[in-house]
Amino acid sequence: EIGRDEDSSSDWDAGGSKKRKKRRSGSVSGSSATAAAAAAAAAGDDESKLTVVEVKQYAHKVPPSSAAFMSDMQRWGAERANFKEQSLGKVAGHDLKQADAYNIFKLVADRGGYDAASERRAWATIAREWYPDLTASAKNVPGSLKKWYMRHLLGYERHLSVGCPVVTKSFKLGGPGSGGARPRQRATPRREAPSAKKIKQEPDTAGAVAAAAAEAEAGSSSSSSDSEDSNG
């Protein structure tokens, strides 16, 4: 019988250890689920920053040199009834030359055209790659460059990209090569510790009551002693 009691207690211990193991495995699976949920939330945040862009693949049709580029663009413009030949103008105070127009056109073509570059917020990157010194010294070069391109080169881009394939791609805004500024995080206002002058000292009512009670007790004891003296 004693042997059976020892066996039954050992069986109970084994059952208890199994229950504890189950609890531990449950806690591990719970932490794994929490980590998976956090990873899914992070992935959702990344997907919310993605933008879908239609990229026109016409970079291979860009003429091989600035001279050939200007010649082809002028020939295209001469065929249009409402074409008026005009100077290349300026971007942020800088006079553009044929080589500038050619390099800018290639940079935009590499990003799928004017619309794709705008949706990707890539004009800041285009401006830096085209003229880094001007971008660093002048103000609003990306915006000025975008307006200049729309006025002088967008029509020729539409002409050159006709019939070219269009591919849909996803880009992360603010990521490398997008040119978009990352969203600014709002600064959390700092809470200053209240100064000693601003803190109103509340009266110690409990201490005042205790002092009044002690004073009253002392008065009663003194009066009783005076009466005893008079009686004596």
C-alpha atoms as a PDB file:
ATOM      1  CA  GLU A   1       0.000   0.000   0.000  1.00  0.00           C
ATOM      2  CA  ILE A   2       2.799   2.377   0.782  1.00  0.00           C
ATOM      3  CA  GLY A   3       4.303   1.586  -2.577  1.00  0.00           C
ATOM      4  CA  ARG A   4       1.005   2.377  -4.297  1.00  0.00           C
ATOM      5  CA  ASP A   5       0.775   5.687  -2.442  1.00  0.00           C
ATOM      6  CA  GLU A   6       4.252   6.630  -3.641  1.00  0.00           C
ATOM      7  CA  ASP A   7       3.350   5.648  -7.181  1.00  0.00           C
ATOM      8  CA  SER A   8       0.159   7.696  -7.087  1.00  0.00           C
ATOM      9  CA  SER A   9       2.044  10.771  -5.784  1.00  0.00           C
ATOM     10  CA  SER A  10       4.644  10.402  -8.530  1.00  0.00           C
ATOM     11  CA  ASP A  11       1.885  10.140 -11.110  1.00  0.00           C
ATOM     12  CA  TRP A  12       0.358  13.345  -9.760  1.00  0.00           C
ATOM     13  CA  ASP A  13       3.738  15.103 -10.004  1.00  0.00           C
ATOM     14  CA  ALA A  14       4.116  13.952 -13.586  1.00  0.00           C
ATOM     15  CA  GLY A  15       0.666  15.252 -14.415  1.00  0.00           C
ATOM     16  CA  GLY A  16       1.479  18.547 -12.762  1.00  0.00           C
ATOM     17  CA  SER A  17       4.683  18.904 -14.741  1.00  0.00           C
ATOM     18  CA  LYS A  18       2.780  18.213 -17.952  1.00  0.00           C
ATOM     19  CA  LYS A  19       0.285  20.920 -17.101  1.00  0.00           C
ATOM     20  CA  ARG A  20       3.086  23.372 -16.488  1.00  0.00           C
ATOM     21  CA  LYS A  21       4.676  22.458 -19.813  1.00  0.00           C
ATOM     22  CA  LYS A  22       1.389  23.073 -21.551  1.00  0.00           C
ATOM     23  CA  ARG A  23       1.126  26.475 -19.957  1.00  0.00           C
ATOM     24  CA  ARG A  24       4.655  27.334 -21.072  1.00  0.00           C
ATOM     25  CA  SER A  25       4.005  26.195 -24.617  1.00  0.00           C
ATOM     26  CA  GLY A  26       0.836  28.248 -24.618  1.00  0.00           C
ATOM     27  CA  SER A  27       2.739  31.332 -23.477  1.00  0.00           C
ATOM     28  CA  VAL A  28       5.332  30.743 -26.211  1.00  0.00           C
ATOM     29  CA  SER A  29       2.651  30.387 -28.872  1.00  0.00           C
ATOM     30  CA  GLY A  30       0.980  33.528 -27.549  1.00  0.00           C
ATOM     31  CA  SER A  31       4.203  35.537 -27.826  1.00  0.00           C
ATOM     32  CA  SER A  32       4.729  34.166 -31.343  1.00  0.00           C
ATOM     33  CA  ALA A  33       1.236  35.277 -32.307  1.00  0.00           C
ATOM     34  CA  THR A  34       1.906  38.736 -30.874  1.00  0.00           C
ATOM     35  CA  ALA A  35       5.155  39.016 -32.842  1.00  0.00           C
ATOM     36  CA  ALA A  36       3.393  37.869 -36.001  1.00  0.00           C
ATOM     37  CA  ALA A  37       0.655  40.467 -35.480  1.00  0.00           C
ATOM     38  CA  ALA A  38       3.274  43.199 -34.979  1.00  0.00           C
ATOM     39  CA  ALA A  39       5.071  42.129 -38.154  1.00  0.00           C
ATOM     40  CA  ALA A  40       1.793  42.159 -40.072  1.00  0.00           C
ATOM     41  CA  ALA A  41       1.019  45.638 -38.773  1.00  0.00           C
ATOM     42  CA  ALA A  42       4.464  46.857 -39.830  1.00  0.00           C
ATOM     43  CA  ALA A  43       3.959  45.335 -43.258  1.00  0.00           C
ATOM     44  CA  GLY A  44       0.598  47.090 -43.498  1.00  0.00           C
ATOM     45  CA  ASP A  45       2.251  50.409 -42.669  1.00  0.00           C
ATOM     46  CA  ASP A  46       4.826  49.842 -45.412  1.00  0.00           C
ATOM     47  CA  GLU A  47       2.108  48.972 -47.902  1.00  0.00           C
ATOM     48  CA  SER A  48       0.196  52.136 -47.017  1.00  0.00           C
ATOM     49  CA  LYS A  49       3.246  54.172 -48.084  1.00  0.00           C
ATOM     50  CA  LEU A  50       3.404  52.516 -51.513  1.00  0.00           C
ATOM     51  CA  THR A  51       2.057  54.222 -54.597  1.00  0.00           C
ATOM     52  CA  VAL A  52       1.168  52.470 -57.851  1.00  0.00           C
ATOM     53  CA  VAL A  53       2.567  54.246 -60.906  1.00  0.00           C
ATOM     54  CA  GLU A  54       2.169  53.644 -64.629  1.00  0.00           C
ATOM     55  CA  VAL A  55       5.682  53.784 -66.075  1.00  0.00           C
ATOM     56  CA  LYS A  56       6.074  54.463 -69.794  1.00  0.00           C
ATOM     57  CA  GLN A  57       8.996  52.614 -71.327  1.00  0.00           C
ATOM     58  CA  TYR A  58      10.293  54.968 -73.985  1.00  0.00           C
ATOM     59  CA  ALA A  59      13.839  55.665 -72.746  1.00  0.00           C
ATOM     60  CA  HIS A  60      15.253  53.565 -75.586  1.00  0.00           C
ATOM     61  CA  LYS A  61      13.725  55.967 -78.119  1.00  0.00           C
ATOM     62  CA  VAL A  62      15.526  59.036 -76.759  1.00  0.00           C
ATOM     63  CA  PRO A  63      18.076  60.286 -79.360  1.00  0.00           C
ATOM     64  CA  PRO A  64      21.681  59.345 -78.569  1.00  0.00           C
ATOM     65  CA  SER A  65      23.069  62.892 -78.314  1.00  0.00           C
ATOM     66  CA  SER A  66      21.966  66.412 -77.405  1.00  0.00           C
ATOM     67  CA  ALA A  67      22.358  67.582 -81.031  1.00  0.00           C
ATOM     68  CA  ALA A  68      20.208  64.735 -82.355  1.00  0.00           C
ATOM     69  CA  PHE A  69      17.703  65.371 -79.569  1.00  0.00           C
ATOM     70  CA  MET A  70      17.322  69.072 -80.408  1.00  0.00           C
ATOM     71  CA  SER A  71      17.146  68.354 -84.143  1.00  0.00           C
ATOM     72  CA  ASP A  72      14.407  65.760 -83.701  1.00  0.00           C
ATOM     73  CA  MET A  73      12.441  67.965 -81.324  1.00  0.00           C
ATOM     74  CA  GLN A  74      12.627  70.944 -83.680  1.00  0.00           C
ATOM     75  CA  ARG A  75      11.549  68.778 -86.621  1.00  0.00           C
ATOM     76  CA  TRP A  76       8.602  67.521 -84.587  1.00  0.00           C
ATOM     77  CA  GLY A  77       7.708  71.086 -83.584  1.00  0.00           C
ATOM     78  CA  ALA A  78       7.898  72.363 -87.151  1.00  0.00           C
ATOM     79  CA  GLU A  79       5.261  69.833 -88.187  1.00  0.00           C
ATOM     80  CA  ARG A  80       2.767  71.283 -85.753  1.00  0.00           C
ATOM     81  CA  ALA A  81       0.619  74.148 -86.955  1.00  0.00           C
ATOM     82  CA  ASN A  82       0.612  75.960 -83.597  1.00  0.00           C
ATOM     83  CA  PHE A  83       4.324  75.509 -82.908  1.00  0.00           C
ATOM     84  CA  LYS A  84       6.298  78.609 -81.986  1.00  0.00           C
ATOM     85  CA  GLU A  85      10.029  78.278 -81.610  1.00  0.00           C
ATOM     86  CA  GLN A  86      11.182  79.773 -78.353  1.00  0.00           C
ATOM     87  CA  SER A  87      14.275  79.853 -76.190  1.00  0.00           C
ATOM     88  CA  LEU A  88      14.851  77.206 -73.557  1.00  0.00           C
ATOM     89  CA  GLY A  89      14.402  79.755 -70.786  1.00  0.00           C
ATOM     90  CA  LYS A  90      15.651  79.505 -67.210  1.00  0.00           C
ATOM     91  CA  VAL A  91      15.300  77.292 -64.179  1.00  0.00           C
ATOM     92  CA  ALA A  92      15.878  79.025 -60.837  1.00  0.00           C
ATOM     93  CA  GLY A  93      17.780  81.818 -62.609  1.00  0.00           C
ATOM     94  CA  HIS A  94      19.988  79.420 -64.598  1.00  0.00           C
ATOM     95  CA  ASP A  95      19.979  79.756 -68.403  1.00  0.00           C
ATOM     96  CA  LEU A  96      19.415  76.348 -69.924  1.00  0.00           C
ATOM     97  CA  LYS A  97      21.421  75.061 -72.856  1.00  0.00           C
ATOM     98  CA  GLN A  98      20.771  72.205 -75.246  1.00  0.00           C
ATOM     99  CA  ALA A  99      22.834  69.818 -73.132  1.00  0.00           C
ATOM    100  CA  ASP A 100      20.745  70.737 -70.068  1.00  0.00           C
ATOM    101  CA  ALA A 101      17.481  70.042 -71.882  1.00  0.00           C
ATOM    102  CA  TYR A 102      18.804  66.729 -73.153  1.00  0.00           C
ATOM    103  CA  ASN A 103      20.049  65.549 -69.748  1.00  0.00           C
ATOM    104  CA  ILE A 104      16.802  66.545 -68.025  1.00  0.00           C
ATOM    105  CA  PHE A 105      14.756  64.757 -70.684  1.00  0.00           C
ATOM    106  CA  LYS A 106      16.767  61.548 -70.206  1.00  0.00           C
ATOM    107  CA  LEU A 107      16.422  61.686 -66.411  1.00  0.00           C
ATOM    108  CA  VAL A 108      12.648  61.985 -66.693  1.00  0.00           C
ATOM    109  CA  ALA A 109      12.490  59.234 -69.318  1.00  0.00           C
ATOM    110  CA  ASP A 110      14.420  56.886 -67.030  1.00  0.00           C
ATOM    111  CA  ARG A 111      11.616  57.362 -64.464  1.00  0.00           C
ATOM    112  CA  GLY A 112       8.788  56.634 -66.874  1.00  0.00           C
ATOM    113  CA  GLY A 113       7.849  60.155 -67.971  1.00  0.00           C
ATOM    114  CA  TYR A 114       6.438  63.334 -66.482  1.00  0.00           C
ATOM    115  CA  ASP A 115       3.359  61.765 -64.887  1.00  0.00           C
ATOM    116  CA  ALA A 116       5.281  58.900 -63.285  1.00  0.00           C
ATOM    117  CA  ALA A 117       7.974  61.238 -61.975  1.00  0.00           C
ATOM    118  CA  SER A 118       5.308  63.483 -60.442  1.00  0.00           C
ATOM    119  CA  GLU A 119       3.437  60.609 -58.803  1.00  0.00           C
ATOM    120  CA  ARG A 120       6.710  59.237 -57.428  1.00  0.00           C
ATOM    121  CA  ARG A 121       7.672  62.710 -56.165  1.00  0.00           C
ATOM    122  CA  ALA A 122      10.963  62.314 -57.981  1.00  0.00           C
ATOM    123  CA  TRP A 123      11.559  65.899 -59.116  1.00  0.00           C
ATOM    124  CA  ALA A 124      13.874  66.652 -56.202  1.00  0.00           C
ATOM    125  CA  THR A 125      16.036  63.668 -57.152  1.00  0.00           C
ATOM    126  CA  ILE A 126      15.975  64.677 -60.820  1.00  0.00           C
ATOM    127  CA  ALA A 127      17.048  68.214 -59.925  1.00  0.00           C
ATOM    128  CA  ARG A 128      19.929  66.952 -57.782  1.00  0.00           C
ATOM    129  CA  GLU A 129      21.168  64.569 -60.470  1.00  0.00           C
ATOM    130  CA  TRP A 130      20.922  67.246 -63.152  1.00  0.00           C
ATOM    131  CA  TYR A 131      22.560  70.154 -61.305  1.00  0.00           C
ATOM    132  CA  PRO A 132      23.539  69.415 -57.684  1.00  0.00           C
ATOM    133  CA  ASP A 133      25.218  72.803 -57.094  1.00  0.00           C
ATOM    134  CA  LEU A 134      22.170  74.738 -58.274  1.00  0.00           C
ATOM    135  CA  THR A 135      19.860  72.572 -56.176  1.00  0.00           C
ATOM    136  CA  ALA A 136      21.978  73.199 -53.083  1.00  0.00           C
ATOM    137  CA  SER A 137      22.229  76.987 -53.558  1.00  0.00           C
ATOM    138  CA  ALA A 138      18.910  78.069 -55.127  1.00  0.00           C
ATOM    139  CA  LYS A 139      15.384  77.812 -53.752  1.00  0.00           C
ATOM    140  CA  ASN A 140      12.588  75.590 -55.098  1.00  0.00           C
ATOM    141  CA  VAL A 141      14.637  74.136 -57.938  1.00  0.00           C
ATOM    142  CA  PRO A 142      12.487  70.952 -58.173  1.00  0.00           C
ATOM    143  CA  GLY A 143       9.250  72.949 -58.554  1.00  0.00           C
ATOM    144  CA  SER A 144      10.781  75.342 -61.084  1.00  0.00           C
ATOM    145  CA  LEU A 145      12.245  72.421 -63.048  1.00  0.00           C
ATOM    146  CA  LYS A 146       8.898  70.638 -63.132  1.00  0.00           C
ATOM    147  CA  LYS A 147       7.113  73.711 -64.512  1.00  0.00           C
ATOM    148  CA  TRP A 148       9.850  74.260 -67.082  1.00  0.00           C
ATOM    149  CA  TYR A 149       9.647  70.651 -68.276  1.00  0.00           C
ATOM    150  CA  MET A 150       5.871  70.825 -68.609  1.00  0.00           C
ATOM    151  CA  ARG A 151       6.180  73.948 -70.766  1.00  0.00           C
ATOM    152  CA  HIS A 152       9.118  72.989 -73.000  1.00  0.00           C
ATOM    153  CA  LEU A 153       9.480  69.188 -73.145  1.00  0.00           C
ATOM    154  CA  LEU A 154       6.198  67.536 -72.178  1.00  0.00           C
ATOM    155  CA  GLY A 155       4.717  67.779 -75.668  1.00  0.00           C
ATOM    156  CA  TYR A 156       7.747  66.132 -77.218  1.00  0.00           C
ATOM    157  CA  GLU A 157       7.619  63.412 -74.559  1.00  0.00           C
ATOM    158  CA  ARG A 158       3.991  62.651 -75.472  1.00  0.00           C
ATOM    159  CA  HIS A 159       5.014  62.400 -79.115  1.00  0.00           C
ATOM    160  CA  LEU A 160       8.020  60.171 -78.468  1.00  0.00           C
ATOM    161  CA  SER A 161       6.206  57.791 -76.112  1.00  0.00           C
ATOM    162  CA  VAL A 162       3.239  57.055 -78.362  1.00  0.00           C
ATOM    163  CA  GLY A 163       2.810  53.293 -78.754  1.00  0.00           C
ATOM    164  CA  CYS A 164       5.381  52.435 -76.077  1.00  0.00           C
ATOM    165  CA  PRO A 165       4.500  49.803 -73.468  1.00  0.00           C
ATOM    166  CA  VAL A 166       3.269  50.931 -70.057  1.00  0.00           C
ATOM    167  CA  VAL A 167       4.205  48.926 -66.979  1.00  0.00           C
ATOM    168  CA  THR A 168       2.550  49.271 -63.569  1.00  0.00           C
ATOM    169  CA  LYS A 169       5.014  49.416 -60.694  1.00  0.00           C
ATOM    170  CA  SER A 170       4.845  50.125 -56.966  1.00  0.00           C
ATOM    171  CA  PHE A 171       7.156  52.646 -55.369  1.00  0.00           C
ATOM    172  CA  LYS A 172       7.669  53.577 -51.745  1.00  0.00           C
ATOM    173  CA  LEU A 173       7.172  57.284 -51.155  1.00  0.00           C
ATOM    174  CA  GLY A 174      10.126  58.885 -49.447  1.00  0.00           C
ATOM    175  CA  GLY A 175      12.329  55.874 -50.211  1.00  0.00           C
ATOM    176  CA  PRO A 176      15.622  55.873 -52.116  1.00  0.00           C
ATOM    177  CA  GLY A 177      15.250  57.371 -55.577  1.00  0.00           C
ATOM    178  CA  SER A 178      11.743  58.675 -55.045  1.00  0.00           C
ATOM    179  CA  GLY A 179      12.847  62.183 -54.235  1.00  0.00           C
ATOM    180  CA  GLY A 180       9.933  62.622 -51.896  1.00  0.00           C
ATOM    181  CA  ALA A 181      10.494  64.060 -48.487  1.00  0.00           C
ATOM    182  CA  ARG A 182       9.671  61.773 -45.622  1.00  0.00           C
ATOM    183  CA  PRO A 183       6.706  62.860 -43.555  1.00  0.00           C
ATOM    184  CA  ARG A 184       7.736  65.008 -40.636  1.00  0.00           C
ATOM    185  CA  GLN A 185       7.025  63.687 -37.198  1.00  0.00           C
ATOM    186  CA  ARG A 186       5.193  66.053 -34.961  1.00  0.00           C
ATOM    187  CA  ALA A 187       7.284  67.145 -32.048  1.00  0.00           C
ATOM    188  CA  THR A 188       5.835  66.172 -28.701  1.00  0.00           C
ATOM    189  CA  PRO A 189       5.440  69.299 -26.549  1.00  0.00           C
ATOM    190  CA  ARG A 190       7.709  69.289 -23.557  1.00  0.00           C
ATOM    191  CA  ARG A 191       6.043  69.504 -20.191  1.00  0.00           C
ATOM    192  CA  GLU A 192       7.885  71.781 -17.855  1.00  0.00           C
ATOM    193  CA  ALA A 193       8.023  70.909 -14.186  1.00  0.00           C
ATOM    194  CA  PRO A 194       5.976  73.392 -12.133  1.00  0.00           C
ATOM    195  CA  SER A 195       8.128  75.899 -10.333  1.00  0.00           C
ATOM    196  CA  ALA A 196       8.026  76.356  -6.579  1.00  0.00           C
ATOM    197  CA  LYS A 197       6.352  79.753  -6.990  1.00  0.00           C
ATOM    198  CA  LYS A 198       3.489  78.337  -9.030  1.00  0.00           C
ATOM    199  CA  ILE A 199       2.695  75.590  -6.540  1.00  0.00           C
ATOM    200  CA  LYS A 200       0.028  76.746  -4.113  1.00  0.00           C
ATOM    201  CA  GLN A 201       0.660  75.487  -0.643  1.00  0.00           C
ATOM    202  CA  GLU A 202      -2.508  74.095   0.754  1.00  0.00           C
ATOM    203  CA  PRO A 203      -3.126  74.688   4.489  1.00  0.00           C
ATOM    204  CA  ASP A 204      -2.408  71.721   6.708  1.00  0.00           C
ATOM    205  CA  THR A 205      -5.919  71.355   8.119  1.00  0.00           C
ATOM    206  CA  ALA A 206      -5.138  68.114   9.951  1.00  0.00           C
ATOM    207  CA  GLY A 207      -2.178  69.710  11.719  1.00  0.00           C
ATOM    208  CA  ALA A 208      -4.245  72.774  12.654  1.00  0.00           C
ATOM    209  CA  VAL A 209      -7.020  70.625  14.142  1.00  0.00           C
ATOM    210  CA  ALA A 210      -4.511  68.602  16.160  1.00  0.00           C
ATOM    211  CA  ALA A 211      -2.837  71.774  17.438  1.00  0.00           C
ATOM    212  CA  ALA A 212      -6.203  73.262  18.444  1.00  0.00           C
ATOM    213  CA  ALA A 213      -7.168  70.078  20.264  1.00  0.00           C
ATOM    214  CA  ALA A 214      -3.851  70.018  22.137  1.00  0.00           C
ATOM    215  CA  GLU A 215      -4.232  73.669  23.079  1.00  0.00           C
ATOM    216  CA  ALA A 216      -7.776  73.080  24.321  1.00  0.00           C
ATOM    217  CA  GLU A 217      -6.643  70.082  26.354  1.00  0.00           C
ATOM    218  CA  ALA A 218      -3.813  72.103  27.862  1.00  0.00           C
ATOM    219  CA  GLY A 219      -6.252  74.892  28.768  1.00  0.00           C
ATOM    220  CA  SER A 220      -8.646  72.531  30.462  1.00  0.00           C
ATOM    221  CA  SER A 221      -5.859  70.935  32.488  1.00  0.00           C
ATOM    222  CA  SER A 222      -4.560  74.328  33.619  1.00  0.00           C
ATOM    223  CA  SER A 223      -8.040  75.460  34.640  1.00  0.00           C
ATOM    224  CA  SER A 224      -8.584  72.296  36.633  1.00  0.00           C
ATOM    225  CA  SER A 225      -5.273  72.767  38.433  1.00  0.00           C
ATOM    226  CA  ASP A 226      -6.182  76.372  39.234  1.00  0.00           C
ATOM    227  CA  SER A 227      -9.473  75.254  40.738  1.00  0.00           C
ATOM    228  CA  GLU A 228      -7.721  72.653  42.843  1.00  0.00           C
ATOM    229  CA  ASP A 229      -5.323  75.302  44.132  1.00  0.00           C
ATOM    230  CA  SER A 230      -8.176  77.598  45.055  1.00  0.00           C
ATOM    231  CA  ASN A 231      -9.941  74.731  46.830  1.00  0.00           C
ATOM    232  CA  GLY A 232      -6.811  73.884  48.745  1.00  0.00           C
END
